[in-house]
PDB file of N, CA and C in Angstrom:
ATOM      1  N   UNK A   1      32.679  22.997-155.273  1.00  0.00           N
ATOM      2  CA  UNK A   1      32.683  21.573-155.288  1.00  0.00           C
ATOM      3  C   UNK A   1      31.209  20.967-155.143  1.00  0.00           C
ATOM      4  N   UNK A   2      31.024  19.887-155.555  1.00  0.00           N
ATOM      5  CA  UNK A   2      29.699  19.379-155.364  1.00  0.00           C
ATOM      6  C   UNK A   2      29.465  18.486-154.094  1.00  0.00           C
ATOM      7  N   UNK A   3      28.486  18.632-153.486  1.00  0.00           N
ATOM      8  CA  UNK A   3      28.323  17.812-152.137  1.00  0.00           C
ATOM      9  C   UNK A   3      27.131  16.993-152.332  1.00  0.00           C
ATOM     10  N   UNK A   4      27.298  15.746-152.082  1.00  0.00           N
ATOM     11  CA  UNK A   4      26.137  14.546-152.250  1.00  0.00           C
ATOM     12  C   UNK A   4      25.799  14.179-151.114  1.00  0.00           C
ATOM     13  N   UNK A   5      24.584  13.995-150.715  1.00  0.00           N
ATOM     14  CA  UNK A   5      23.822  13.401-149.571  1.00  0.00           C
ATOM     15  C   UNK A   5      22.848  12.477-149.994  1.00  0.00           C
ATOM     16  N   UNK A   6      23.055  11.256-149.544  1.00  0.00           N
ATOM     17  CA  UNK A   6      22.149  10.183-149.821  1.00  0.00           C
ATOM     18  C   UNK A   6      21.287   9.818-148.557  1.00  0.00           C
ATOM     19  N   UNK A   7      20.075   9.441-149.036  1.00  0.00           N
ATOM     20  CA  UNK A   7      19.066   9.029-148.111  1.00  0.00           C
ATOM     21  C   UNK A   7      18.323   7.755-148.534  1.00  0.00           C
ATOM     22  N   UNK A   8      17.511   7.267-147.450  1.00  0.00           N
ATOM     23  CA  UNK A   8      16.588   6.245-147.966  1.00  0.00           C
ATOM     24  C   UNK A   8      16.927   5.063-147.651  1.00  0.00           C
ATOM     25  N   UNK A   9      18.058   4.643-147.174  1.00  0.00           N
ATOM     26  CA  UNK A   9      18.458   3.325-146.867  1.00  0.00           C
ATOM     27  C   UNK A   9      17.624   2.974-145.464  1.00  0.00           C
ATOM     28  N   UNK A  10      18.084   1.504-145.163  1.00  0.00           N
ATOM     29  CA  UNK A  10      17.350   1.052-143.974  1.00  0.00           C
ATOM     30  C   UNK A  10      17.080  -0.574-144.066  1.00  0.00           C
ATOM     31  N   UNK A  11      16.373  -1.078-143.046  1.00  0.00           N
ATOM     32  CA  UNK A  11      16.261  -2.303-143.125  1.00  0.00           C
ATOM     33  C   UNK A  11      15.165  -2.814-143.756  1.00  0.00           C
ATOM     34  N   UNK A  12      15.030  -4.003-144.647  1.00  0.00           N
ATOM     35  CA  UNK A  12      13.994  -4.207-145.298  1.00  0.00           C
ATOM     36  C   UNK A  12      13.912  -5.896-145.293  1.00  0.00           C
ATOM     37  N   UNK A  13      12.565  -6.493-145.491  1.00  0.00           N
ATOM     38  CA  UNK A  13      12.708  -7.895-145.458  1.00  0.00           C
ATOM     39  C   UNK A  13      12.894  -8.160-146.926  1.00  0.00           C
ATOM     40  N   UNK A  14      13.342  -9.460-147.394  1.00  0.00           N
ATOM     41  CA  UNK A  14      13.440 -10.021-148.613  1.00  0.00           C
ATOM     42  C   UNK A  14      12.121  -9.832-149.426  1.00  0.00           C
ATOM     43  N   UNK A  15      12.219  -9.359-150.663  1.00  0.00           N
ATOM     44  CA  UNK A  15      11.226  -9.254-151.402  1.00  0.00           C
ATOM     45  C   UNK A  15      10.676  -7.743-151.389  1.00  0.00           C
ATOM     46  N   UNK A  16      10.905  -6.888-150.419  1.00  0.00           N
ATOM     47  CA  UNK A  16      10.677  -5.746-150.228  1.00  0.00           C
ATOM     48  C   UNK A  16      11.376  -4.545-151.071  1.00  0.00           C
ATOM     49  N   UNK A  17      10.964  -3.526-150.867  1.00  0.00           N
ATOM     50  CA  UNK A  17      11.250  -2.222-151.641  1.00  0.00           C
ATOM     51  C   UNK A  17      11.931  -1.263-150.846  1.00  0.00           C
ATOM     52  N   UNK A  18      12.790  -0.491-151.315  1.00  0.00           N
ATOM     53  CA  UNK A  18      13.449   0.811-150.968  1.00  0.00           C
ATOM     54  C   UNK A  18      13.671   1.742-151.955  1.00  0.00           C
ATOM     55  N   UNK A  19      13.585   3.048-151.707  1.00  0.00           N
ATOM     56  CA  UNK A  19      14.077   4.116-152.649  1.00  0.00           C
ATOM     57  C   UNK A  19      15.095   4.922-152.032  1.00  0.00           C
ATOM     58  N   UNK A  20      15.965   4.907-152.691  1.00  0.00           N
ATOM     59  CA  UNK A  20      17.319   5.902-152.434  1.00  0.00           C
ATOM     60  C   UNK A  20      17.263   7.057-153.074  1.00  0.00           C
ATOM     61  N   UNK A  21      17.713   8.113-152.496  1.00  0.00           N
ATOM     62  CA  UNK A  21      17.746   9.399-152.976  1.00  0.00           C
ATOM     63  C   UNK A  21      19.271  10.066-152.984  1.00  0.00           C
ATOM     64  N   UNK A  22      19.710  10.768-153.802  1.00  0.00           N
ATOM     65  CA  UNK A  22      21.015  11.402-153.688  1.00  0.00           C
ATOM     66  C   UNK A  22      20.724  12.856-154.163  1.00  0.00           C
ATOM     67  N   UNK A  23      20.834  13.809-153.305  1.00  0.00           N
ATOM     68  CA  UNK A  23      20.838  15.279-153.693  1.00  0.00           C
ATOM     69  C   UNK A  23      22.383  15.741-153.930  1.00  0.00           C
ATOM     70  N   UNK A  24      22.349  16.480-154.919  1.00  0.00           N
ATOM     71  CA  UNK A  24      23.590  17.094-155.136  1.00  0.00           C
ATOM     72  C   UNK A  24      23.423  18.563-154.828  1.00  0.00           C
ATOM     73  N   UNK A  25      24.479  19.269-154.271  1.00  0.00           N
ATOM     74  CA  UNK A  25      24.436  20.582-154.192  1.00  0.00           C
ATOM     75  C   UNK A  25      25.721  21.356-154.366  1.00  0.00           C
ATOM     76  N   UNK A  26      25.788  22.464-154.277  1.00  0.00           N
ATOM     77  CA  UNK A  26      27.167  23.211-154.586  1.00  0.00           C
ATOM     78  C   UNK A  26      27.221  23.710-156.012  1.00  0.00           C
ATOM     79  N   UNK A  27      28.554  23.273-156.513  1.00  0.00           N
ATOM     80  CA  UNK A  27      28.685  23.717-158.071  1.00  0.00           C
ATOM     81  C   UNK A  27      28.072  22.407-158.784  1.00  0.00           C
ATOM     82  N   UNK A  28      27.023  22.486-159.066  1.00  0.00           N
ATOM     83  CA  UNK A  28      26.233  21.403-159.957  1.00  0.00           C
ATOM     84  C   UNK A  28      26.235  21.451-161.405  1.00  0.00           C
ATOM     85  N   UNK A  29      27.021  22.521-161.811  1.00  0.00           N
ATOM     86  CA  UNK A  29      27.109  22.633-163.447  1.00  0.00           C
ATOM     87  C   UNK A  29      27.708  21.512-164.093  1.00  0.00           C
ATOM     88  N   UNK A  30      27.310  21.398-165.322  1.00  0.00           N
ATOM     89  CA  UNK A  30      28.184  20.438-166.188  1.00  0.00           C
ATOM     90  C   UNK A  30      28.201  19.032-165.744  1.00  0.00           C
ATOM     91  N   UNK A  31      27.249  18.525-164.993  1.00  0.00           N
ATOM     92  CA  UNK A  31      26.994  17.086-164.621  1.00  0.00           C
ATOM     93  C   UNK A  31      26.655  16.124-165.795  1.00  0.00           C
ATOM     94  N   UNK A  32      27.578  15.375-166.089  1.00  0.00           N
ATOM     95  CA  UNK A  32      27.407  14.413-167.256  1.00  0.00           C
ATOM     96  C   UNK A  32      26.602  12.923-166.819  1.00  0.00           C
ATOM     97  N   UNK A  33      27.008  12.706-165.747  1.00  0.00           N
ATOM     98  CA  UNK A  33      26.342  11.331-165.056  1.00  0.00           C
ATOM     99  C   UNK A  33      26.392  11.340-163.652  1.00  0.00           C
ATOM    100  N   UNK A  34      25.239  10.587-163.367  1.00  0.00           N
ATOM    101  CA  UNK A  34      25.006  10.294-161.730  1.00  0.00           C
ATOM    102  C   UNK A  34      24.923   8.699-161.530  1.00  0.00           C
ATOM    103  N   UNK A  35      25.095   8.088-160.635  1.00  0.00           N
ATOM    104  CA  UNK A  35      24.829   6.790-160.333  1.00  0.00           C
ATOM    105  C   UNK A  35      25.146   6.352-158.996  1.00  0.00           C
ATOM    106  N   UNK A  36      25.155   4.776-158.984  1.00  0.00           N
ATOM    107  CA  UNK A  36      25.160   4.480-157.661  1.00  0.00           C
ATOM    108  C   UNK A  36      26.185   3.203-157.632  1.00  0.00           C
ATOM    109  N   UNK A  37      27.014   3.063-156.791  1.00  0.00           N
ATOM    110  CA  UNK A  37      27.831   1.967-156.511  1.00  0.00           C
ATOM    111  C   UNK A  37      27.438   1.312-155.100  1.00  0.00           C
ATOM    112  N   UNK A  38      27.854   0.011-154.922  1.00  0.00           N
ATOM    113  CA  UNK A  38      27.558  -0.468-153.640  1.00  0.00           C
ATOM    114  C   UNK A  38      28.787  -1.418-153.064  1.00  0.00           C
ATOM    115  N   UNK A  39      28.868  -1.510-151.706  1.00  0.00           N
ATOM    116  CA  UNK A  39      30.040  -2.322-151.246  1.00  0.00           C
ATOM    117  C   UNK A  39      29.426  -3.137-150.055  1.00  0.00           C
ATOM    118  N   UNK A  40      29.566  -4.306-150.143  1.00  0.00           N
ATOM    119  CA  UNK A  40      29.217  -5.286-149.209  1.00  0.00           C
ATOM    120  C   UNK A  40      30.371  -5.712-148.212  1.00  0.00           C
ATOM    121  N   UNK A  41      30.261  -5.946-147.127  1.00  0.00           N
ATOM    122  CA  UNK A  41      31.441  -6.374-146.264  1.00  0.00           C
ATOM    123  C   UNK A  41      32.228  -7.430-146.822  1.00  0.00           C
ATOM    124  N   UNK A  42      33.687  -7.055-146.930  1.00  0.00           N
ATOM    125  CA  UNK A  42      34.675  -7.864-147.637  1.00  0.00           C
ATOM    126  C   UNK A  42      34.665  -7.806-149.036  1.00  0.00           C
ATOM    127  N   UNK A  43      33.809  -7.074-149.593  1.00  0.00           N
ATOM    128  CA  UNK A  43      33.907  -6.941-151.174  1.00  0.00           C
ATOM    129  C   UNK A  43      34.259  -5.722-151.499  1.00  0.00           C
ATOM    130  N   UNK A  44      34.692  -5.402-152.877  1.00  0.00           N
ATOM    131  CA  UNK A  44      34.886  -4.362-153.374  1.00  0.00           C
ATOM    132  C   UNK A  44      33.753  -3.587-153.710  1.00  0.00           C
ATOM    133  N   UNK A  45      34.038  -2.272-154.129  1.00  0.00           N
ATOM    134  CA  UNK A  45      32.860  -1.593-154.642  1.00  0.00           C
ATOM    135  C   UNK A  45      32.426  -1.908-155.991  1.00  0.00           C
ATOM    136  N   UNK A  46      31.026  -2.092-156.189  1.00  0.00           N
ATOM    137  CA  UNK A  46      30.537  -2.700-157.128  1.00  0.00           C
ATOM    138  C   UNK A  46      29.497  -1.587-157.832  1.00  0.00           C
ATOM    139  N   UNK A  47      29.750  -1.533-159.224  1.00  0.00           N
ATOM    140  CA  UNK A  47      28.634  -0.514-159.640  1.00  0.00           C
ATOM    141  C   UNK A  47      27.200  -1.215-159.909  1.00  0.00           C
ATOM    142  N   UNK A  48      26.323  -0.318-159.490  1.00  0.00           N
ATOM    143  CA  UNK A  48      24.749  -0.852-159.537  1.00  0.00           C
ATOM    144  C   UNK A  48      24.031  -0.257-160.740  1.00  0.00           C
ATOM    145  N   UNK A  49      24.186   0.998-160.968  1.00  0.00           N
ATOM    146  CA  UNK A  49      23.398   1.599-162.300  1.00  0.00           C
ATOM    147  C   UNK A  49      23.900   3.004-162.270  1.00  0.00           C
ATOM    148  N   UNK A  50      23.795   3.564-163.419  1.00  0.00           N
ATOM    149  CA  UNK A  50      24.163   4.932-163.665  1.00  0.00           C
ATOM    150  C   UNK A  50      23.234   5.633-164.864  1.00  0.00           C
ATOM    151  N   UNK A  51      23.097   6.985-164.789  1.00  0.00           N
ATOM    152  CA  UNK A  51      22.084   7.515-165.848  1.00  0.00           C
ATOM    153  C   UNK A  51      23.151   8.641-166.436  1.00  0.00           C
ATOM    154  N   UNK A  52      23.337   8.723-167.819  1.00  0.00           N
ATOM    155  CA  UNK A  52      23.980   9.919-168.331  1.00  0.00           C
ATOM    156  C   UNK A  52      23.147  10.625-169.266  1.00  0.00           C
ATOM    157  N   UNK A  53      23.499  11.843-169.390  1.00  0.00           N
ATOM    158  CA  UNK A  53      22.946  12.889-170.388  1.00  0.00           C
ATOM    159  C   UNK A  53      21.309  12.977-170.044  1.00  0.00           C
ATOM    160  N   UNK A  54      20.976  12.552-168.783  1.00  0.00           N
ATOM    161  CA  UNK A  54      19.721  12.668-168.336  1.00  0.00           C
ATOM    162  C   UNK A  54      18.689  11.420-168.591  1.00  0.00           C
ATOM    163  N   UNK A  55      19.148  10.712-169.463  1.00  0.00           N
ATOM    164  CA  UNK A  55      18.042   9.535-169.802  1.00  0.00           C
ATOM    165  C   UNK A  55      18.709   8.201-170.034  1.00  0.00           C
ATOM    166  N   UNK A  56      19.946   8.125-170.427  1.00  0.00           N
ATOM    167  CA  UNK A  56      20.438   6.965-170.879  1.00  0.00           C
ATOM    168  C   UNK A  56      21.082   6.188-169.571  1.00  0.00           C
ATOM    169  N   UNK A  57      20.585   4.827-169.362  1.00  0.00           N
ATOM    170  CA  UNK A  57      20.645   4.216-168.119  1.00  0.00           C
ATOM    171  C   UNK A  57      21.289   3.071-168.443  1.00  0.00           C
ATOM    172  N   UNK A  58      22.357   2.450-167.429  1.00  0.00           N
ATOM    173  CA  UNK A  58      22.981   0.969-167.534  1.00  0.00           C
ATOM    174  C   UNK A  58      22.665   0.362-166.077  1.00  0.00           C
ATOM    175  N   UNK A  59      22.609  -0.860-166.145  1.00  0.00           N
ATOM    176  CA  UNK A  59      22.468  -1.589-164.996  1.00  0.00           C
ATOM    177  C   UNK A  59      23.451  -2.615-164.776  1.00  0.00           C
ATOM    178  N   UNK A  60      23.951  -3.043-163.533  1.00  0.00           N
ATOM    179  CA  UNK A  60      24.553  -4.396-163.187  1.00  0.00           C
ATOM    180  C   UNK A  60      23.513  -5.450-163.495  1.00  0.00           C
ATOM    181  N   UNK A  61      24.047  -6.562-164.152  1.00  0.00           N
ATOM    182  CA  UNK A  61      23.327  -7.682-164.494  1.00  0.00           C
ATOM    183  C   UNK A  61      22.628  -8.275-163.105  1.00  0.00           C
ATOM    184  N   UNK A  62      23.223  -7.948-161.929  1.00  0.00           N
ATOM    185  CA  UNK A  62      22.513  -8.508-160.828  1.00  0.00           C
ATOM    186  C   UNK A  62      21.300  -7.855-160.350  1.00  0.00           C
ATOM    187  N   UNK A  63      21.071  -6.566-160.907  1.00  0.00           N
ATOM    188  CA  UNK A  63      19.836  -5.725-160.620  1.00  0.00           C
ATOM    189  C   UNK A  63      18.858  -5.474-161.602  1.00  0.00           C
ATOM    190  N   UNK A  64      19.351  -5.979-162.956  1.00  0.00           N
ATOM    191  CA  UNK A  64      18.321  -5.685-163.861  1.00  0.00           C
ATOM    192  C   UNK A  64      17.019  -6.240-163.682  1.00  0.00           C
ATOM    193  N   UNK A  65      16.012  -5.334-164.040  1.00  0.00           N
ATOM    194  CA  UNK A  65      14.525  -5.846-163.867  1.00  0.00           C
ATOM    195  C   UNK A  65      14.064  -5.556-162.491  1.00  0.00           C
ATOM    196  N   UNK A  66      14.866  -5.311-161.347  1.00  0.00           N
ATOM    197  CA  UNK A  66      14.478  -5.071-160.181  1.00  0.00           C
ATOM    198  C   UNK A  66      14.756  -3.726-159.866  1.00  0.00           C
ATOM    199  N   UNK A  67      16.003  -3.061-160.097  1.00  0.00           N
ATOM    200  CA  UNK A  67      16.112  -1.746-159.894  1.00  0.00           C
ATOM    201  C   UNK A  67      16.060  -0.669-160.902  1.00  0.00           C
ATOM    202  N   UNK A  68      15.688   0.522-160.702  1.00  0.00           N
ATOM    203  CA  UNK A  68      15.363   1.402-161.751  1.00  0.00           C
ATOM    204  C   UNK A  68      15.999   2.879-160.861  1.00  0.00           C
ATOM    205  N   UNK A  69      16.898   3.429-161.929  1.00  0.00           N
ATOM    206  CA  UNK A  69      17.397   4.757-161.715  1.00  0.00           C
ATOM    207  C   UNK A  69      16.833   5.792-162.410  1.00  0.00           C
ATOM    208  N   UNK A  70      16.651   6.869-161.703  1.00  0.00           N
ATOM    209  CA  UNK A  70      16.091   7.920-162.422  1.00  0.00           C
ATOM    210  C   UNK A  70      16.693   9.208-161.810  1.00  0.00           C
ATOM    211  N   UNK A  71      16.665  10.449-162.632  1.00  0.00           N
ATOM    212  CA  UNK A  71      17.184  11.624-162.285  1.00  0.00           C
ATOM    213  C   UNK A  71      16.058  12.736-162.387  1.00  0.00           C
ATOM    214  N   UNK A  72      16.074  13.526-161.626  1.00  0.00           N
ATOM    215  CA  UNK A  72      15.275  14.872-161.545  1.00  0.00           C
ATOM    216  C   UNK A  72      16.130  15.755-161.737  1.00  0.00           C
ATOM    217  N   UNK A  73      16.480  16.507-162.814  1.00  0.00           N
ATOM    218  CA  UNK A  73      17.673  17.326-163.216  1.00  0.00           C
ATOM    219  C   UNK A  73      17.193  18.806-162.333  1.00  0.00           C
ATOM    220  N   UNK A  74      16.040  19.031-162.463  1.00  0.00           N
ATOM    221  CA  UNK A  74      15.648  20.356-161.842  1.00  0.00           C
ATOM    222  C   UNK A  74      15.883  20.234-160.266  1.00  0.00           C
ATOM    223  N   UNK A  75      15.924  19.156-159.677  1.00  0.00           N
ATOM    224  CA  UNK A  75      16.141  19.151-158.283  1.00  0.00           C
ATOM    225  C   UNK A  75      17.581  18.701-158.060  1.00  0.00           C
ATOM    226  N   UNK A  76      18.444  18.350-159.064  1.00  0.00           N
ATOM    227  CA  UNK A  76      19.732  17.786-158.838  1.00  0.00           C
ATOM    228  C   UNK A  76      19.782  16.631-158.083  1.00  0.00           C
ATOM    229  N   UNK A  77      18.876  15.747-158.239  1.00  0.00           N
ATOM    230  CA  UNK A  77      18.731  14.531-157.379  1.00  0.00           C
ATOM    231  C   UNK A  77      18.520  13.230-158.248  1.00  0.00           C
ATOM    232  N   UNK A  78      19.086  12.088-157.738  1.00  0.00           N
ATOM    233  CA  UNK A  78      19.168  10.788-158.591  1.00  0.00           C
ATOM    234  C   UNK A  78      18.469   9.848-157.517  1.00  0.00           C
ATOM    235  N   UNK A  79      17.711   9.182-158.175  1.00  0.00           N
ATOM    236  CA  UNK A  79      16.926   8.092-157.211  1.00  0.00           C
ATOM    237  C   UNK A  79      17.286   6.656-157.813  1.00  0.00           C
ATOM    238  N   UNK A  80      17.230   5.710-156.715  1.00  0.00           N
ATOM    239  CA  UNK A  80      17.484   4.246-157.181  1.00  0.00           C
ATOM    240  C   UNK A  80      16.295   3.480-156.455  1.00  0.00           C
ATOM    241  N   UNK A  81      15.442   3.259-157.186  1.00  0.00           N
ATOM    242  CA  UNK A  81      14.051   2.467-156.813  1.00  0.00           C
ATOM    243  C   UNK A  81      14.469   0.993-156.772  1.00  0.00           C
ATOM    244  N   UNK A  82      14.473   0.339-155.802  1.00  0.00           N
ATOM    245  CA  UNK A  82      14.942  -0.916-155.417  1.00  0.00           C
ATOM    246  C   UNK A  82      13.940  -1.899-155.051  1.00  0.00           C
ATOM    247  N   UNK A  83      13.395  -2.811-155.868  1.00  0.00           N
ATOM    248  CA  UNK A  83      12.140  -3.665-155.663  1.00  0.00           C
ATOM    249  C   UNK A  83      12.792  -5.245-155.698  1.00  0.00           C
ATOM    250  N   UNK A  84      11.844  -6.091-155.239  1.00  0.00           N
ATOM    251  CA  UNK A  84      12.348  -7.396-154.881  1.00  0.00           C
ATOM    252  C   UNK A  84      13.734  -7.626-154.347  1.00  0.00           C
ATOM    253  N   UNK A  85      13.989  -7.008-153.391  1.00  0.00           N
ATOM    254  CA  UNK A  85      15.086  -6.946-152.646  1.00  0.00           C
ATOM    255  C   UNK A  85      15.639  -8.357-152.278  1.00  0.00           C
ATOM    256  N   UNK A  86      16.860  -8.743-152.327  1.00  0.00           N
ATOM    257  CA  UNK A  86      17.545 -10.062-151.858  1.00  0.00           C
ATOM    258  C   UNK A  86      18.437  -9.740-150.787  1.00  0.00           C
ATOM    259  N   UNK A  87      18.707 -10.635-150.008  1.00  0.00           N
ATOM    260  CA  UNK A  87      19.771 -10.541-149.030  1.00  0.00           C
ATOM    261  C   UNK A  87      20.956 -10.245-149.605  1.00  0.00           C
ATOM    262  N   UNK A  88      21.405 -10.598-150.869  1.00  0.00           N
ATOM    263  CA  UNK A  88      22.842 -10.239-151.405  1.00  0.00           C
ATOM    264  C   UNK A  88      22.708  -8.792-151.835  1.00  0.00           C
ATOM    265  N   UNK A  89      21.588  -8.130-151.641  1.00  0.00           N
ATOM    266  CA  UNK A  89      21.722  -6.831-151.879  1.00  0.00           C
ATOM    267  C   UNK A  89      22.176  -5.816-150.957  1.00  0.00           C
ATOM    268  N   UNK A  90      22.328  -6.570-149.686  1.00  0.00           N
ATOM    269  CA  UNK A  90      22.776  -5.859-148.448  1.00  0.00           C
ATOM    270  C   UNK A  90      24.212  -5.194-148.738  1.00  0.00           C
ATOM    271  N   UNK A  91      24.103  -3.771-148.658  1.00  0.00           N
ATOM    272  CA  UNK A  91      25.401  -3.312-148.657  1.00  0.00           C
ATOM    273  C   UNK A  91      25.534  -1.769-148.343  1.00  0.00           C
ATOM    274  N   UNK A  92      26.479  -1.084-148.410  1.00  0.00           N
ATOM    275  CA  UNK A  92      26.533   0.123-148.369  1.00  0.00           C
ATOM    276  C   UNK A  92      26.259   0.716-149.865  1.00  0.00           C
ATOM    277  N   UNK A  93      25.284   1.696-149.769  1.00  0.00           N
ATOM    278  CA  UNK A  93      25.252   2.262-151.250  1.00  0.00           C
ATOM    279  C   UNK A  93      25.771   3.543-151.456  1.00  0.00           C
ATOM    280  N   UNK A  94      26.495   3.970-152.334  1.00  0.00           N
ATOM    281  CA  UNK A  94      27.129   5.103-152.583  1.00  0.00           C
ATOM    282  C   UNK A  94      26.731   6.073-153.852  1.00  0.00           C
ATOM    283  N   UNK A  95      26.273   7.193-153.645  1.00  0.00           N
ATOM    284  CA  UNK A  95      26.077   7.890-154.911  1.00  0.00           C
ATOM    285  C   UNK A  95      27.262   8.451-155.458  1.00  0.00           C
ATOM    286  N   UNK A  96      27.285   8.881-156.614  1.00  0.00           N
ATOM    287  CA  UNK A  96      28.425   9.489-157.394  1.00  0.00           C
ATOM    288  C   UNK A  96      28.087  10.553-158.469  1.00  0.00           C
ATOM    289  N   UNK A  97      28.871  11.586-158.605  1.00  0.00           N
ATOM    290  CA  UNK A  97      28.343  12.329-159.833  1.00  0.00           C
ATOM    291  C   UNK A  97      29.642  12.505-160.576  1.00  0.00           C
ATOM    292  N   UNK A  98      29.623  12.696-161.928  1.00  0.00           N
ATOM    293  CA  UNK A  98      30.571  13.049-162.776  1.00  0.00           C
ATOM    294  C   UNK A  98      30.195  14.414-163.385  1.00  0.00           C
ATOM    295  N   UNK A  99      31.171  15.300-163.557  1.00  0.00           N
ATOM    296  CA  UNK A  99      31.099  16.587-164.227  1.00  0.00           C
ATOM    297  C   UNK A  99      32.429  16.761-165.098  1.00  0.00           C
ATOM    298  N   UNK A 100      32.117  17.594-166.033  1.00  0.00           N
ATOM    299  CA  UNK A 100      33.151  17.780-167.094  1.00  0.00           C
ATOM    300  C   UNK A 100      34.310  18.430-166.531  1.00  0.00           C
ATOM    301  N   UNK A 101      35.497  17.838-166.749  1.00  0.00           N
ATOM    302  CA  UNK A 101      36.887  18.400-166.241  1.00  0.00           C
ATOM    303  C   UNK A 101      37.078  18.435-164.830  1.00  0.00           C
ATOM    304  N   UNK A 102      36.230  17.586-164.083  1.00  0.00           N
ATOM    305  CA  UNK A 102      36.319  17.526-162.612  1.00  0.00           C
ATOM    306  C   UNK A 102      36.504  16.023-162.114  1.00  0.00           C
ATOM    307  N   UNK A 103      36.932  15.760-160.940  1.00  0.00           N
ATOM    308  CA  UNK A 103      37.041  14.622-160.436  1.00  0.00           C
ATOM    309  C   UNK A 103      35.675  13.938-159.866  1.00  0.00           C
ATOM    310  N   UNK A 104      35.572  12.708-159.993  1.00  0.00           N
ATOM    311  CA  UNK A 104      34.161  12.175-159.592  1.00  0.00           C
ATOM    312  C   UNK A 104      34.328  12.470-157.958  1.00  0.00           C
ATOM    313  N   UNK A 105      32.895  12.900-157.778  1.00  0.00           N
ATOM    314  CA  UNK A 105      32.619  13.179-156.414  1.00  0.00           C
ATOM    315  C   UNK A 105      31.687  11.911-155.810  1.00  0.00           C
ATOM    316  N   UNK A 106      31.602  11.820-154.426  1.00  0.00           N
ATOM    317  CA  UNK A 106      31.157  10.711-153.782  1.00  0.00           C
ATOM    318  C   UNK A 106      30.239  11.029-152.664  1.00  0.00           C
ATOM    319  N   UNK A 107      29.235  10.375-152.542  1.00  0.00           N
ATOM    320  CA  UNK A 107      28.287  10.746-151.101  1.00  0.00           C
ATOM    321  C   UNK A 107      29.010   9.967-150.103  1.00  0.00           C
ATOM    322  N   UNK A 108      28.566  10.056-148.925  1.00  0.00           N
ATOM    323  CA  UNK A 108      28.946   9.343-147.701  1.00  0.00           C
ATOM    324  C   UNK A 108      28.487   8.064-147.642  1.00  0.00           C
ATOM    325  N   UNK A 109      27.440   7.424-148.122  1.00  0.00           N
ATOM    326  CA  UNK A 109      26.834   6.120-148.313  1.00  0.00           C
ATOM    327  C   UNK A 109      25.698   6.062-147.349  1.00  0.00           C
ATOM    328  N   UNK A 110      24.931   5.087-147.871  1.00  0.00           N
ATOM    329  CA  UNK A 110      23.711   4.699-147.101  1.00  0.00           C
ATOM    330  C   UNK A 110      23.714   3.285-146.884  1.00  0.00           C
ATOM    331  N   UNK A 111      23.240   2.776-145.632  1.00  0.00           N
ATOM    332  CA  UNK A 111      23.189   1.366-145.515  1.00  0.00           C
ATOM    333  C   UNK A 111      21.909   0.820-145.900  1.00  0.00           C
ATOM    334  N   UNK A 112      21.954  -0.218-146.570  1.00  0.00           N
ATOM    335  CA  UNK A 112      20.691  -1.213-147.036  1.00  0.00           C
ATOM    336  C   UNK A 112      21.043  -2.637-146.650  1.00  0.00           C
ATOM    337  N   UNK A 113      20.105  -3.044-145.754  1.00  0.00           N
ATOM    338  CA  UNK A 113      19.989  -4.370-144.962  1.00  0.00           C
ATOM    339  C   UNK A 113      18.960  -5.175-145.377  1.00  0.00           C
ATOM    340  N   UNK A 114      19.002  -6.174-146.003  1.00  0.00           N
ATOM    341  CA  UNK A 114      17.949  -6.977-146.415  1.00  0.00           C
ATOM    342  C   UNK A 114      18.062  -8.396-145.704  1.00  0.00           C
ATOM    343  N   UNK A 115      16.852  -8.400-144.837  1.00  0.00           N
ATOM    344  CA  UNK A 115      17.042  -9.507-143.953  1.00  0.00           C
ATOM    345  C   UNK A 115      15.643  -9.726-143.290  1.00  0.00           C
ATOM    346  N   UNK A 116      15.239 -11.082-143.051  1.00  0.00           N
ATOM    347  CA  UNK A 116      14.077 -11.333-142.376  1.00  0.00           C
ATOM    348  C   UNK A 116      14.210 -11.419-140.827  1.00  0.00           C
TER     349      UNK A 116
END
């Protein structure tokens, strides 16, 4: 199985930046997509961004122009660069990976708090 470990979360002031990382280890063959969801208290899990086939990216409208997802295939790592952060970006951010003929795998989550 694939194991995912996220890092890079923390407390940041509005307008600041953070970079999340998600390292995939274990059976990492046949990865078709990696991405990020987030979940704020009292809300459902929301798709933030994903990247497929190494380069095609999709973003939620709420983060377009502020967040950038990228992937280093050699390191089996996906990144989420978050700029111009807003208080409403506060959430637990979860990384996921999709592989051929396998169920989606999730990371444990990393907390992002945007507050002055």
